[in-house]
N, C-alpha and C. Protein backbone atom coordinates (compact mmCIF):
# COMPACT_ATOMS: atom_id res chain seq x y z
N UNK A 1 105.04 61.74 121.11
CA UNK A 1 104.46 62.97 120.67
C UNK A 1 105.31 64.18 121.07
N UNK A 2 105.95 64.10 122.24
CA UNK A 2 106.83 65.20 122.71
C UNK A 2 107.97 65.41 121.73
N UNK A 3 108.56 64.30 121.20
CA UNK A 3 109.58 64.45 120.26
C UNK A 3 109.21 65.21 119.08
N UNK A 4 107.98 64.85 118.51
CA UNK A 4 107.49 65.46 117.28
C UNK A 4 107.32 67.00 117.58
N UNK A 5 106.81 67.38 118.72
CA UNK A 5 106.55 68.81 119.00
C UNK A 5 107.89 69.48 119.21
N UNK A 6 108.90 68.86 119.71
CA UNK A 6 110.25 69.42 119.83
C UNK A 6 110.84 69.68 118.49
N UNK A 7 110.70 68.73 117.55
CA UNK A 7 111.25 68.93 116.20
C UNK A 7 110.51 69.99 115.52
N UNK A 8 109.24 70.04 115.62
CA UNK A 8 108.50 71.16 114.94
C UNK A 8 108.84 72.51 115.52
N UNK A 9 109.05 72.58 116.82
CA UNK A 9 109.42 73.80 117.49
C UNK A 9 110.78 74.26 116.90
N UNK A 10 111.75 73.35 116.86
CA UNK A 10 113.06 73.64 116.39
C UNK A 10 113.01 74.07 114.85
N UNK A 11 112.23 73.31 114.12
CA UNK A 11 112.12 73.64 112.66
C UNK A 11 111.49 75.00 112.39
N UNK A 12 110.47 75.37 113.13
CA UNK A 12 109.85 76.63 112.89
C UNK A 12 110.69 77.80 113.35
N UNK A 13 111.48 77.57 114.47
CA UNK A 13 112.36 78.70 114.84
C UNK A 13 113.62 78.78 113.96
N UNK A 14 114.19 77.69 113.52
CA UNK A 14 115.29 77.73 112.58
C UNK A 14 114.85 78.39 111.23
N UNK A 15 113.69 78.02 110.81
CA UNK A 15 113.15 78.55 109.54
C UNK A 15 112.87 80.06 109.66
N UNK A 16 112.38 80.46 110.85
CA UNK A 16 112.23 81.92 111.03
C UNK A 16 113.46 82.67 111.06
N UNK A 17 114.53 82.12 111.65
CA UNK A 17 115.85 82.76 111.62
C UNK A 17 116.35 82.83 110.26
N UNK A 18 116.18 81.75 109.44
CA UNK A 18 116.65 81.80 108.02
C UNK A 18 115.89 82.86 107.30
N UNK A 19 114.60 83.07 107.54
CA UNK A 19 113.92 84.11 106.81
C UNK A 19 114.37 85.46 107.27
N UNK A 20 114.70 85.65 108.51
CA UNK A 20 115.25 86.87 109.00
C UNK A 20 116.58 87.12 108.30
N UNK A 21 117.45 86.13 108.20
CA UNK A 21 118.72 86.26 107.53
C UNK A 21 118.45 86.58 106.03
N UNK A 22 117.49 86.07 105.41
CA UNK A 22 117.15 86.46 104.08
C UNK A 22 116.76 87.87 103.95
N UNK A 23 115.95 88.39 104.86
CA UNK A 23 115.55 89.77 104.88
C UNK A 23 116.79 90.72 105.03
N UNK A 24 117.65 90.31 106.02
CA UNK A 24 118.86 91.15 106.29
C UNK A 24 119.78 91.08 105.04
N UNK A 25 119.87 89.94 104.39
CA UNK A 25 120.80 89.92 103.21
C UNK A 25 120.15 90.68 102.03
N UNK A 26 118.84 90.72 101.93
CA UNK A 26 118.20 91.48 100.89
C UNK A 26 118.50 92.98 101.19
N UNK A 27 118.39 93.36 102.45
CA UNK A 27 118.59 94.77 102.79
C UNK A 27 120.10 95.17 102.45
N UNK A 28 121.02 94.19 102.63
CA UNK A 28 122.42 94.43 102.34
C UNK A 28 122.73 94.20 100.85
N UNK A 29 121.73 93.87 100.09
CA UNK A 29 121.86 93.66 98.64
C UNK A 29 122.83 92.48 98.32
N UNK A 30 122.67 91.42 99.01
CA UNK A 30 123.45 90.22 98.89
C UNK A 30 122.72 89.17 98.03
N UNK A 31 122.54 89.55 96.72
CA UNK A 31 121.82 88.71 95.80
C UNK A 31 122.83 87.79 95.10
N UNK A 32 122.60 86.52 94.92
CA UNK A 32 121.43 85.73 95.19
C UNK A 32 121.42 85.02 96.52
N UNK A 33 122.39 85.33 97.38
CA UNK A 33 122.44 84.69 98.70
C UNK A 33 121.17 84.83 99.42
N UNK A 34 120.55 85.98 99.38
CA UNK A 34 119.28 86.28 100.02
C UNK A 34 118.24 85.28 99.57
N UNK A 35 118.20 84.86 98.32
CA UNK A 35 117.24 83.98 97.82
C UNK A 35 117.38 82.59 98.41
N UNK A 36 118.60 82.14 98.64
CA UNK A 36 118.90 80.86 99.29
C UNK A 36 118.38 80.82 100.67
N UNK A 37 118.64 81.88 101.42
CA UNK A 37 118.14 81.95 102.81
C UNK A 37 116.57 81.94 102.81
N UNK A 38 115.96 82.73 101.96
CA UNK A 38 114.55 82.77 101.87
C UNK A 38 113.91 81.39 101.47
N UNK A 39 114.50 80.80 100.43
CA UNK A 39 113.97 79.50 100.00
C UNK A 39 114.10 78.45 101.09
N UNK A 40 115.22 78.38 101.79
CA UNK A 40 115.40 77.39 102.85
C UNK A 40 114.44 77.60 104.02
N UNK A 41 114.28 78.87 104.43
CA UNK A 41 113.31 79.21 105.47
C UNK A 41 111.88 78.92 105.11
N UNK A 42 111.56 79.22 103.84
CA UNK A 42 110.25 79.00 103.31
C UNK A 42 109.96 77.46 103.27
N UNK A 43 110.84 76.66 102.87
CA UNK A 43 110.69 75.20 102.80
C UNK A 43 110.50 74.63 104.21
N UNK A 44 111.28 75.23 105.16
CA UNK A 44 111.08 74.79 106.56
C UNK A 44 109.67 75.04 107.03
N UNK A 45 109.13 76.29 106.77
CA UNK A 45 107.83 76.66 107.19
C UNK A 45 106.79 75.87 106.41
N UNK A 46 107.06 75.40 105.16
CA UNK A 46 106.16 74.60 104.42
C UNK A 46 106.08 73.21 105.09
N UNK A 47 107.17 72.72 105.61
CA UNK A 47 107.12 71.43 106.36
C UNK A 47 106.32 71.55 107.56
N UNK A 48 106.50 72.66 108.31
CA UNK A 48 105.65 72.90 109.53
C UNK A 48 104.16 72.96 109.19
N UNK A 49 103.88 73.68 108.14
CA UNK A 49 102.49 73.81 107.69
C UNK A 49 101.86 72.42 107.33
N UNK A 50 102.61 71.65 106.66
CA UNK A 50 102.12 70.27 106.39
C UNK A 50 101.92 69.43 107.55
N UNK A 51 102.85 69.53 108.57
CA UNK A 51 102.67 68.75 109.82
C UNK A 51 101.40 69.24 110.54
N UNK A 52 101.19 70.56 110.57
CA UNK A 52 100.11 71.19 111.26
C UNK A 52 98.75 71.04 110.46
N UNK A 53 98.83 70.64 109.22
CA UNK A 53 97.65 70.55 108.34
C UNK A 53 97.02 71.92 108.19
N UNK A 54 97.85 72.94 108.02
CA UNK A 54 97.34 74.32 107.91
C UNK A 54 97.43 74.71 106.42
N UNK A 55 96.23 74.83 105.84
CA UNK A 55 96.14 75.05 104.36
C UNK A 55 96.67 76.39 103.95
N UNK A 56 96.39 77.41 104.69
CA UNK A 56 96.77 78.77 104.36
C UNK A 56 98.30 78.87 104.37
N UNK A 57 98.94 78.35 105.39
CA UNK A 57 100.39 78.38 105.44
C UNK A 57 100.95 77.51 104.37
N UNK A 58 100.35 76.40 104.02
CA UNK A 58 100.81 75.49 102.94
C UNK A 58 100.80 76.27 101.62
N UNK A 59 99.71 76.94 101.34
CA UNK A 59 99.53 77.66 100.07
C UNK A 59 100.60 78.74 100.04
N UNK A 60 100.65 79.59 101.13
CA UNK A 60 101.61 80.73 101.17
C UNK A 60 102.97 80.28 100.89
N UNK A 61 103.44 79.26 101.67
CA UNK A 61 104.84 78.87 101.56
C UNK A 61 105.14 78.02 100.24
N UNK A 62 104.15 77.38 99.69
CA UNK A 62 104.37 76.76 98.36
C UNK A 62 104.58 77.78 97.31
N UNK A 63 103.76 78.79 97.29
CA UNK A 63 103.90 79.89 96.29
C UNK A 63 105.20 80.66 96.52
N UNK A 64 105.50 81.00 97.76
CA UNK A 64 106.75 81.64 98.06
C UNK A 64 108.00 80.84 97.66
N UNK A 65 107.90 79.51 97.91
CA UNK A 65 109.01 78.65 97.51
C UNK A 65 109.20 78.61 96.03
N UNK A 66 108.07 78.57 95.24
CA UNK A 66 108.14 78.63 93.82
C UNK A 66 108.75 79.87 93.34
N UNK A 67 108.40 81.03 93.96
CA UNK A 67 108.88 82.32 93.57
C UNK A 67 110.36 82.38 93.80
N UNK A 68 110.88 82.04 95.01
CA UNK A 68 112.25 82.03 95.32
C UNK A 68 113.06 81.10 94.39
N UNK A 69 112.55 79.94 94.19
CA UNK A 69 113.24 78.98 93.30
C UNK A 69 113.36 79.47 91.90
N UNK A 70 112.29 80.17 91.42
CA UNK A 70 112.39 80.75 90.09
C UNK A 70 113.42 81.85 90.04
N UNK A 71 113.52 82.64 91.14
CA UNK A 71 114.58 83.73 91.18
C UNK A 71 115.98 83.10 91.16
N UNK A 72 116.16 81.99 91.90
CA UNK A 72 117.43 81.37 91.93
C UNK A 72 117.82 80.78 90.55
N UNK A 73 116.90 80.12 89.94
CA UNK A 73 117.08 79.55 88.58
C UNK A 73 117.41 80.70 87.59
N UNK A 74 116.70 81.78 87.69
CA UNK A 74 116.90 82.96 86.82
C UNK A 74 118.34 83.53 87.05
N UNK A 75 118.81 83.60 88.33
CA UNK A 75 120.17 84.13 88.56
C UNK A 75 121.22 83.18 88.04
N UNK A 76 120.93 81.90 87.91
CA UNK A 76 121.89 80.97 87.28
C UNK A 76 121.98 81.00 85.83
N UNK A 77 121.03 81.53 85.10
CA UNK A 77 120.96 81.43 83.71
C UNK A 77 121.81 82.59 83.08
């Protein structure tokens, strides 16, 4: 059980840092790089939400992931 909590701890902090990088790159107008940071951070938090069985975080990060993925696809077209 300790290993699982260590992995979740690392995942949530890495995902949080990726989201901060996404916010900083948005502020610096680094599009679409900011979308990749945000999507990766959001998917990490989605994994944490699923491990925790937290429905509100699952819904939030699923919707956010869809929005960021749509933006990335749109930037590639």
